[in-house]
C-alpha cells in the first residue's frame, strides 16, 4: 500500500488536527503503514499502533490511529500513553 491511497474523515481534518496540530495526516498514514499492532473495534473501525517520533520533542512514542473499516480512511490519532508493548 502506498500513502496516496489514504484519505481522512472530516472529523480528523477539522477536529483532531486542530486539537493536536503535531499529529499530521502524513504522520498518521506513516503509523498505519508501519503498525506494530492492529485490531478491529466492535464498530468495525480499526486501531493501529506504531512507534513514531513526536515532532514536538523528537521522543519516540506510540501513536494510536483509528481508521474506518476500510483501513485507509484516517479518523482519529493520538499518542497512547497507556499502550504496553506485548
PDB file of N, CA and C in Angstrom:
ATOM      1  N   UNK A   1       0.837  -1.187   0.000  1.00  0.00           N
ATOM      2  CA  UNK A   1       0.000   0.000   0.000  1.00  0.00           C
ATOM      3  C   UNK A   1       0.875   1.242   0.000  1.00  0.00           C
ATOM      4  N   UNK A   2       0.464   2.239  -0.753  1.00  0.00           N
ATOM      5  CA  UNK A   2       1.199   3.499  -0.702  1.00  0.00           C
ATOM      6  C   UNK A   2       0.333   4.573  -0.057  1.00  0.00           C
ATOM      7  N   UNK A   3       0.969   5.653   0.345  1.00  0.00           N
ATOM      8  CA  UNK A   3       0.255   6.692   1.077  1.00  0.00           C
ATOM      9  C   UNK A   3      -0.760   7.442   0.222  1.00  0.00           C
ATOM     10  N   UNK A   4      -0.667   7.332  -1.094  1.00  0.00           N
ATOM     11  CA  UNK A   4      -1.599   8.028  -1.984  1.00  0.00           C
ATOM     12  C   UNK A   4      -3.012   7.463  -1.911  1.00  0.00           C
ATOM     13  N   UNK A   5      -3.179   6.229  -1.423  1.00  0.00           N
ATOM     14  CA  UNK A   5      -4.496   5.609  -1.369  1.00  0.00           C
ATOM     15  C   UNK A   5      -5.228   5.913  -0.059  1.00  0.00           C
ATOM     16  N   UNK A   6      -4.663   6.791   0.771  1.00  0.00           N
ATOM     17  CA  UNK A   6      -5.267   7.125   2.057  1.00  0.00           C
ATOM     18  C   UNK A   6      -6.069   8.412   1.982  1.00  0.00           C
ATOM     19  N   UNK A   7      -7.046   8.539   2.906  1.00  0.00           N
ATOM     20  CA  UNK A   7      -7.880   9.730   2.996  1.00  0.00           C
ATOM     21  C   UNK A   7      -8.098  10.029   4.477  1.00  0.00           C
ATOM     22  N   UNK A   8      -8.823  11.077   4.766  1.00  0.00           N
ATOM     23  CA  UNK A   8      -9.133  11.444   6.149  1.00  0.00           C
ATOM     24  C   UNK A   8     -10.594  11.841   6.241  1.00  0.00           C
ATOM     25  N   UNK A   9     -11.182  11.570   7.404  1.00  0.00           N
ATOM     26  CA  UNK A   9     -12.552  11.999   7.640  1.00  0.00           C
ATOM     27  C   UNK A   9     -12.580  13.494   7.938  1.00  0.00           C
ATOM     28  N   UNK A  10     -13.739  14.063   7.807  1.00  0.00           N
ATOM     29  CA  UNK A  10     -13.909  15.478   8.142  1.00  0.00           C
ATOM     30  C   UNK A  10     -13.562  15.708   9.621  1.00  0.00           C
ATOM     31  N   UNK A  11     -13.939  14.752  10.475  1.00  0.00           N
ATOM     32  CA  UNK A  11     -13.621  14.845  11.904  1.00  0.00           C
ATOM     33  C   UNK A  11     -12.113  14.977  12.110  1.00  0.00           C
ATOM     34  N   UNK A  12     -11.329  14.137  11.438  1.00  0.00           N
ATOM     35  CA  UNK A  12      -9.875  14.203  11.598  1.00  0.00           C
ATOM     36  C   UNK A  12      -9.353  15.564  11.158  1.00  0.00           C
ATOM     37  N   UNK A  13      -9.787  16.019  10.004  1.00  0.00           N
ATOM     38  CA  UNK A  13      -9.277  17.272   9.450  1.00  0.00           C
ATOM     39  C   UNK A  13      -9.721  18.504  10.241  1.00  0.00           C
ATOM     40  N   UNK A  14     -10.949  18.492  10.753  1.00  0.00           N
ATOM     41  CA  UNK A  14     -11.482  19.682  11.416  1.00  0.00           C
ATOM     42  C   UNK A  14     -11.377  19.671  12.937  1.00  0.00           C
ATOM     43  N   UNK A  15     -11.227  18.498  13.524  1.00  0.00           N
ATOM     44  CA  UNK A  15     -11.164  18.420  14.987  1.00  0.00           C
ATOM     45  C   UNK A  15      -9.792  17.970  15.493  1.00  0.00           C
ATOM     46  N   UNK A  16      -9.353  16.818  15.010  1.00  0.00           N
ATOM     47  CA  UNK A  16      -8.119  16.232  15.528  1.00  0.00           C
ATOM     48  C   UNK A  16      -6.906  17.103  15.225  1.00  0.00           C
ATOM     49  N   UNK A  17      -6.772  17.524  13.979  1.00  0.00           N
ATOM     50  CA  UNK A  17      -5.588  18.309  13.622  1.00  0.00           C
ATOM     51  C   UNK A  17      -5.611  19.708  14.229  1.00  0.00           C
ATOM     52  N   UNK A  18      -6.785  20.188  14.611  1.00  0.00           N
ATOM     53  CA  UNK A  18      -6.873  21.482  15.299  1.00  0.00           C
ATOM     54  C   UNK A  18      -6.474  21.307  16.770  1.00  0.00           C
ATOM     55  N   UNK A  19      -7.002  20.258  17.394  1.00  0.00           N
ATOM     56  CA  UNK A  19      -6.709  19.994  18.806  1.00  0.00           C
ATOM     57  C   UNK A  19      -5.271  19.519  19.007  1.00  0.00           C
ATOM     58  N   UNK A  20      -4.775  18.732  18.047  1.00  0.00           N
ATOM     59  CA  UNK A  20      -3.415  18.178  18.127  1.00  0.00           C
ATOM     60  C   UNK A  20      -2.663  18.494  16.829  1.00  0.00           C
ATOM     61  N   UNK A  21      -2.243  19.721  16.630  1.00  0.00           N
ATOM     62  CA  UNK A  21      -1.613  20.106  15.359  1.00  0.00           C
ATOM     63  C   UNK A  21      -0.317  19.362  15.045  1.00  0.00           C
ATOM     64  N   UNK A  22       0.288  18.762  16.037  1.00  0.00           N
ATOM     65  CA  UNK A  22       1.510  17.975  15.845  1.00  0.00           C
ATOM     66  C   UNK A  22       1.213  16.612  15.244  1.00  0.00           C
ATOM     67  N   UNK A  23      -0.055  16.181  15.234  1.00  0.00           N
ATOM     68  CA  UNK A  23      -0.449  14.910  14.610  1.00  0.00           C
ATOM     69  C   UNK A  23      -0.972  15.234  13.208  1.00  0.00           C
ATOM     70  N   UNK A  24      -0.112  15.095  12.246  1.00  0.00           N
ATOM     71  CA  UNK A  24      -0.470  15.403  10.864  1.00  0.00           C
ATOM     72  C   UNK A  24      -1.028  14.173  10.169  1.00  0.00           C
ATOM     73  N   UNK A  25      -1.686  14.393   9.066  1.00  0.00           N
ATOM     74  CA  UNK A  25      -2.194  13.279   8.267  1.00  0.00           C
ATOM     75  C   UNK A  25      -1.028  12.395   7.822  1.00  0.00           C
ATOM     76  N   UNK A  26       0.071  13.002   7.432  1.00  0.00           N
ATOM     77  CA  UNK A  26       1.244  12.241   6.987  1.00  0.00           C
ATOM     78  C   UNK A  26       1.776  11.347   8.099  1.00  0.00           C
ATOM     79  N   UNK A  27       1.815  11.864   9.335  1.00  0.00           N
ATOM     80  CA  UNK A  27       2.282  11.070  10.471  1.00  0.00           C
ATOM     81  C   UNK A  27       1.328   9.909  10.741  1.00  0.00           C
ATOM     82  N   UNK A  28       0.031  10.158  10.644  1.00  0.00           N
ATOM     83  CA  UNK A  28      -0.964   9.106  10.871  1.00  0.00           C
ATOM     84  C   UNK A  28      -0.862   8.015   9.806  1.00  0.00           C
ATOM     85  N   UNK A  29      -0.672   8.405   8.559  1.00  0.00           N
ATOM     86  CA  UNK A  29      -0.522   7.420   7.482  1.00  0.00           C
ATOM     87  C   UNK A  29       0.746   6.603   7.701  1.00  0.00           C
ATOM     88  N   UNK A  30       1.825   7.260   8.061  1.00  0.00           N
ATOM     89  CA  UNK A  30       3.080   6.561   8.341  1.00  0.00           C
ATOM     90  C   UNK A  30       2.882   5.523   9.445  1.00  0.00           C
ATOM     91  N   UNK A  31       2.110   5.887  10.463  1.00  0.00           N
ATOM     92  CA  UNK A  31       1.844   4.954  11.561  1.00  0.00           C
ATOM     93  C   UNK A  31       1.037   3.745  11.082  1.00  0.00           C
ATOM     94  N   UNK A  32       0.033   3.965  10.265  1.00  0.00           N
ATOM     95  CA  UNK A  32      -0.760   2.839   9.749  1.00  0.00           C
ATOM     96  C   UNK A  32       0.116   1.928   8.886  1.00  0.00           C
ATOM     97  N   UNK A  33       0.929   2.515   8.058  1.00  0.00           N
ATOM     98  CA  UNK A  33       1.795   1.724   7.174  1.00  0.00           C
ATOM     99  C   UNK A  33       2.828   0.914   7.946  1.00  0.00           C
ATOM    100  N   UNK A  34       3.207   1.401   9.135  1.00  0.00           N
ATOM    101  CA  UNK A  34       4.248   0.747   9.928  1.00  0.00           C
ATOM    102  C   UNK A  34       3.731   0.246  11.271  1.00  0.00           C
ATOM    103  N   UNK A  35       2.452  -0.080  11.333  1.00  0.00           N
ATOM    104  CA  UNK A  35       1.838  -0.508  12.595  1.00  0.00           C
ATOM    105  C   UNK A  35       2.493  -1.768  13.139  1.00  0.00           C
ATOM    106  N   UNK A  36       2.739  -1.735  14.454  1.00  0.00           N
ATOM    107  CA  UNK A  36       3.267  -2.935  15.107  1.00  0.00           C
ATOM    108  C   UNK A  36       2.128  -3.808  15.625  1.00  0.00           C
ATOM    109  N   UNK A  37       0.923  -3.217  15.693  1.00  0.00           N
ATOM    110  CA  UNK A  37      -0.259  -3.970  16.104  1.00  0.00           C
ATOM    111  C   UNK A  37      -1.482  -3.300  15.504  1.00  0.00           C
ATOM    112  N   UNK A  38      -2.443  -4.099  15.060  1.00  0.00           N
ATOM    113  CA  UNK A  38      -3.718  -3.599  14.546  1.00  0.00           C
ATOM    114  C   UNK A  38      -4.827  -4.508  15.049  1.00  0.00           C
ATOM    115  N   UNK A  39      -5.928  -3.901  15.458  1.00  0.00           N
ATOM    116  CA  UNK A  39      -7.081  -4.674  15.911  1.00  0.00           C
ATOM    117  C   UNK A  39      -8.352  -4.041  15.371  1.00  0.00           C
ATOM    118  N   UNK A  40      -9.400  -4.846  15.316  1.00  0.00           N
ATOM    119  CA  UNK A  40     -10.700  -4.368  14.848  1.00  0.00           C
ATOM    120  C   UNK A  40     -11.567  -4.031  16.058  1.00  0.00           C
ATOM    121  N   UNK A  41     -12.210  -2.872  16.022  1.00  0.00           N
ATOM    122  CA  UNK A  41     -13.127  -2.474  17.083  1.00  0.00           C
ATOM    123  C   UNK A  41     -14.498  -3.103  16.832  1.00  0.00           C
ATOM    124  N   UNK A  42     -15.347  -3.072  17.838  1.00  0.00           N
ATOM    125  CA  UNK A  42     -16.689  -3.654  17.703  1.00  0.00           C
ATOM    126  C   UNK A  42     -17.541  -2.923  16.663  1.00  0.00           C
ATOM    127  N   UNK A  43     -17.228  -1.644  16.396  1.00  0.00           N
ATOM    128  CA  UNK A  43     -17.988  -0.886  15.398  1.00  0.00           C
ATOM    129  C   UNK A  43     -17.418  -1.035  13.983  1.00  0.00           C
ATOM    130  N   UNK A  44     -16.397  -1.886  13.824  1.00  0.00           N
ATOM    131  CA  UNK A  44     -15.810  -2.145  12.515  1.00  0.00           C
ATOM    132  C   UNK A  44     -14.581  -1.305  12.210  1.00  0.00           C
ATOM    133  N   UNK A  45     -14.402  -0.231  12.959  1.00  0.00           N
ATOM    134  CA  UNK A  45     -13.203   0.581  12.748  1.00  0.00           C
ATOM    135  C   UNK A  45     -11.973  -0.191  13.180  1.00  0.00           C
ATOM    136  N   UNK A  46     -10.818   0.265  12.701  1.00  0.00           N
ATOM    137  CA  UNK A  46      -9.556  -0.397  13.001  1.00  0.00           C
ATOM    138  C   UNK A  46      -8.685   0.502  13.872  1.00  0.00           C
ATOM    139  N   UNK A  47      -7.991  -0.105  14.820  1.00  0.00           N
ATOM    140  CA  UNK A  47      -6.996   0.602  15.633  1.00  0.00           C
ATOM    141  C   UNK A  47      -5.616   0.123  15.201  1.00  0.00           C
ATOM    142  N   UNK A  48      -4.708   1.060  15.048  1.00  0.00           N
ATOM    143  CA  UNK A  48      -3.335   0.750  14.658  1.00  0.00           C
ATOM    144  C   UNK A  48      -2.395   1.461  15.623  1.00  0.00           C
ATOM    145  N   UNK A  49      -1.368   0.745  16.095  1.00  0.00           N
ATOM    146  CA  UNK A  49      -0.368   1.348  16.975  1.00  0.00           C
ATOM    147  C   UNK A  49       0.986   1.264  16.293  1.00  0.00           C
ATOM    148  N   UNK A  50       1.739   2.348  16.379  1.00  0.00           N
ATOM    149  CA  UNK A  50       3.077   2.376  15.781  1.00  0.00           C
ATOM    150  C   UNK A  50       3.977   3.300  16.597  1.00  0.00           C
ATOM    151  N   UNK A  51       5.251   2.996  16.584  1.00  0.00           N
ATOM    152  CA  UNK A  51       6.241   3.883  17.192  1.00  0.00           C
ATOM    153  C   UNK A  51       6.601   4.953  16.177  1.00  0.00           C
ATOM    154  N   UNK A  52       6.454   6.206  16.591  1.00  0.00           N
ATOM    155  CA  UNK A  52       6.782   7.335  15.722  1.00  0.00           C
ATOM    156  C   UNK A  52       7.557   8.361  16.541  1.00  0.00           C
ATOM    157  N   UNK A  53       8.228   9.239  15.856  1.00  0.00           N
ATOM    158  CA  UNK A  53       8.938  10.319  16.526  1.00  0.00           C
ATOM    159  C   UNK A  53       7.987  11.496  16.712  1.00  0.00           C
ATOM    160  N   UNK A  54       7.817  11.899  17.950  1.00  0.00           N
ATOM    161  CA  UNK A  54       6.958  13.031  18.278  1.00  0.00           C
ATOM    162  C   UNK A  54       7.651  14.304  17.782  1.00  0.00           C
ATOM    163  N   UNK A  55       7.025  15.034  16.875  1.00  0.00           N
ATOM    164  CA  UNK A  55       7.673  16.220  16.312  1.00  0.00           C
ATOM    165  C   UNK A  55       7.884  17.346  17.320  1.00  0.00           C
ATOM    166  N   UNK A  56       7.225  17.281  18.463  1.00  0.00           N
ATOM    167  CA  UNK A  56       7.379  18.337  19.467  1.00  0.00           C
ATOM    168  C   UNK A  56       8.716  18.273  20.182  1.00  0.00           C
ATOM    169  N   UNK A  57       9.208  17.047  20.427  1.00  0.00           N
ATOM    170  CA  UNK A  57      10.447  16.922  21.205  1.00  0.00           C
ATOM    171  C   UNK A  57      11.371  15.800  20.726  1.00  0.00           C
ATOM    172  N   UNK A  58      11.061  15.207  19.583  1.00  0.00           N
ATOM    173  CA  UNK A  58      11.871  14.138  18.971  1.00  0.00           C
ATOM    174  C   UNK A  58      11.951  12.864  19.809  1.00  0.00           C
ATOM    175  N   UNK A  59      10.998  12.673  20.711  1.00  0.00           N
ATOM    176  CA  UNK A  59      10.926  11.453  21.504  1.00  0.00           C
ATOM    177  C   UNK A  59      10.118  10.417  20.732  1.00  0.00           C
ATOM    178  N   UNK A  60      10.549   9.160  20.802  1.00  0.00           N
ATOM    179  CA  UNK A  60       9.789   8.093  20.158  1.00  0.00           C
ATOM    180  C   UNK A  60       8.635   7.721  21.083  1.00  0.00           C
ATOM    181  N   UNK A  61       7.434   7.786  20.546  1.00  0.00           N
ATOM    182  CA  UNK A  61       6.217   7.488  21.306  1.00  0.00           C
ATOM    183  C   UNK A  61       5.315   6.573  20.474  1.00  0.00           C
ATOM    184  N   UNK A  62       4.307   6.018  21.134  1.00  0.00           N
ATOM    185  CA  UNK A  62       3.336   5.174  20.441  1.00  0.00           C
ATOM    186  C   UNK A  62       2.152   6.015  20.011  1.00  0.00           C
ATOM    187  N   UNK A  63       1.897   6.015  18.714  1.00  0.00           N
ATOM    188  CA  UNK A  63       0.753   6.735  18.158  1.00  0.00           C
ATOM    189  C   UNK A  63      -0.341   5.721  17.854  1.00  0.00           C
ATOM    190  N   UNK A  64      -1.557   5.980  18.372  1.00  0.00           N
ATOM    191  CA  UNK A  64      -2.704   5.137  18.025  1.00  0.00           C
ATOM    192  C   UNK A  64      -3.489   5.874  16.946  1.00  0.00           C
ATOM    193  N   UNK A  65      -3.753   5.182  15.857  1.00  0.00           N
ATOM    194  CA  UNK A  65      -4.513   5.746  14.759  1.00  0.00           C
ATOM    195  C   UNK A  65      -5.758   4.891  14.568  1.00  0.00           C
ATOM    196  N   UNK A  66      -6.900   5.539  14.498  1.00  0.00           N
ATOM    197  CA  UNK A  66      -8.164   4.844  14.249  1.00  0.00           C
ATOM    198  C   UNK A  66      -8.576   5.148  12.818  1.00  0.00           C
ATOM    199  N   UNK A  67      -8.810   4.087  12.066  1.00  0.00           N
ATOM    200  CA  UNK A  67      -9.277   4.234  10.690  1.00  0.00           C
ATOM    201  C   UNK A  67     -10.699   3.703  10.586  1.00  0.00           C
ATOM    202  N   UNK A  68     -11.380   4.092   9.539  1.00  0.00           N
ATOM    203  CA  UNK A  68     -12.677   3.485   9.267  1.00  0.00           C
ATOM    204  C   UNK A  68     -12.435   2.024   8.890  1.00  0.00           C
ATOM    205  N   UNK A  69     -13.497   1.266   8.703  1.00  0.00           N
ATOM    206  CA  UNK A  69     -13.385  -0.170   8.433  1.00  0.00           C
ATOM    207  C   UNK A  69     -12.536  -0.484   7.209  1.00  0.00           C
ATOM    208  N   UNK A  70     -12.420   0.468   6.278  1.00  0.00           N
ATOM    209  CA  UNK A  70     -11.612   0.217   5.079  1.00  0.00           C
ATOM    210  C   UNK A  70     -10.114   0.197   5.366  1.00  0.00           C
ATOM    211  N   UNK A  71      -9.711   0.643   6.570  1.00  0.00           N
ATOM    212  CA  UNK A  71      -8.304   0.648   6.943  1.00  0.00           C
ATOM    213  C   UNK A  71      -7.478   1.730   6.266  1.00  0.00           C
ATOM    214  N   UNK A  72      -8.116   2.568   5.467  1.00  0.00           N
ATOM    215  CA  UNK A  72      -7.398   3.587   4.702  1.00  0.00           C
ATOM    216  C   UNK A  72      -7.907   5.002   4.940  1.00  0.00           C
ATOM    217  N   UNK A  73      -8.987   5.146   5.679  1.00  0.00           N
ATOM    218  CA  UNK A  73      -9.522   6.471   5.960  1.00  0.00           C
ATOM    219  C   UNK A  73      -9.233   6.806   7.421  1.00  0.00           C
ATOM    220  N   UNK A  74      -8.342   7.766   7.637  1.00  0.00           N
ATOM    221  CA  UNK A  74      -7.913   8.147   8.980  1.00  0.00           C
ATOM    222  C   UNK A  74      -9.043   8.912   9.661  1.00  0.00           C
ATOM    223  N   UNK A  75      -9.404   8.475  10.873  1.00  0.00           N
ATOM    224  CA  UNK A  75     -10.487   9.107  11.614  1.00  0.00           C
ATOM    225  C   UNK A  75      -9.998   9.805  12.890  1.00  0.00           C
ATOM    226  N   UNK A  76      -9.048   9.215  13.572  1.00  0.00           N
ATOM    227  CA  UNK A  76      -8.553   9.785  14.821  1.00  0.00           C
ATOM    228  C   UNK A  76      -7.104   9.351  15.015  1.00  0.00           C
ATOM    229  N   UNK A  77      -6.350  10.131  15.767  1.00  0.00           N
ATOM    230  CA  UNK A  77      -4.967   9.777  16.068  1.00  0.00           C
ATOM    231  C   UNK A  77      -4.522  10.530  17.313  1.00  0.00           C
ATOM    232  N   UNK A  78      -3.810   9.827  18.180  1.00  0.00           N
ATOM    233  CA  UNK A  78      -3.305  10.447  19.405  1.00  0.00           C
ATOM    234  C   UNK A  78      -2.181   9.592  19.964  1.00  0.00           C
ATOM    235  N   UNK A  79      -1.329  10.217  20.778  1.00  0.00           N
ATOM    236  CA  UNK A  79      -0.269   9.468  21.434  1.00  0.00           C
ATOM    237  C   UNK A  79      -0.885   8.693  22.586  1.00  0.00           C
ATOM    238  N   UNK A  80      -0.660   7.383  22.586  1.00  0.00           N
ATOM    239  CA  UNK A  80      -1.284   6.466  23.538  1.00  0.00           C
ATOM    240  C   UNK A  80      -0.311   6.182  24.682  1.00  0.00           C
ATOM    241  N   UNK A  81      -0.480   6.905  25.775  1.00  0.00           N
ATOM    242  CA  UNK A  81       0.411   6.736  26.928  1.00  0.00           C
ATOM    243  C   UNK A  81       0.194   5.412  27.640  1.00  0.00           C
ATOM    244  N   UNK A  82      -0.948   4.764  27.417  1.00  0.00           N
ATOM    245  CA  UNK A  82      -1.263   3.519  28.130  1.00  0.00           C
ATOM    246  C   UNK A  82      -0.886   2.262  27.355  1.00  0.00           C
ATOM    247  N   UNK A  83      -0.366   2.416  26.123  1.00  0.00           N
ATOM    248  CA  UNK A  83      -0.040   1.237  25.314  1.00  0.00           C
ATOM    249  C   UNK A  83       1.119   0.475  25.939  1.00  0.00           C
ATOM    250  N   UNK A  84       0.954  -0.827  26.042  1.00  0.00           N
ATOM    251  CA  UNK A  84       2.010  -1.694  26.568  1.00  0.00           C
ATOM    252  C   UNK A  84       2.447  -2.615  25.442  1.00  0.00           C
ATOM    253  N   UNK A  85       3.719  -2.555  25.103  1.00  0.00           N
ATOM    254  CA  UNK A  85       4.277  -3.375  24.040  1.00  0.00           C
ATOM    255  C   UNK A  85       4.254  -4.835  24.478  1.00  0.00           C
ATOM    256  N   UNK A  86       3.633  -5.666  23.664  1.00  0.00           N
ATOM    257  CA  UNK A  86       3.494  -7.091  24.033  1.00  0.00           C
ATOM    258  C   UNK A  86       4.633  -7.900  23.507  1.00  0.00           C
TER     259      UNK A  86
END
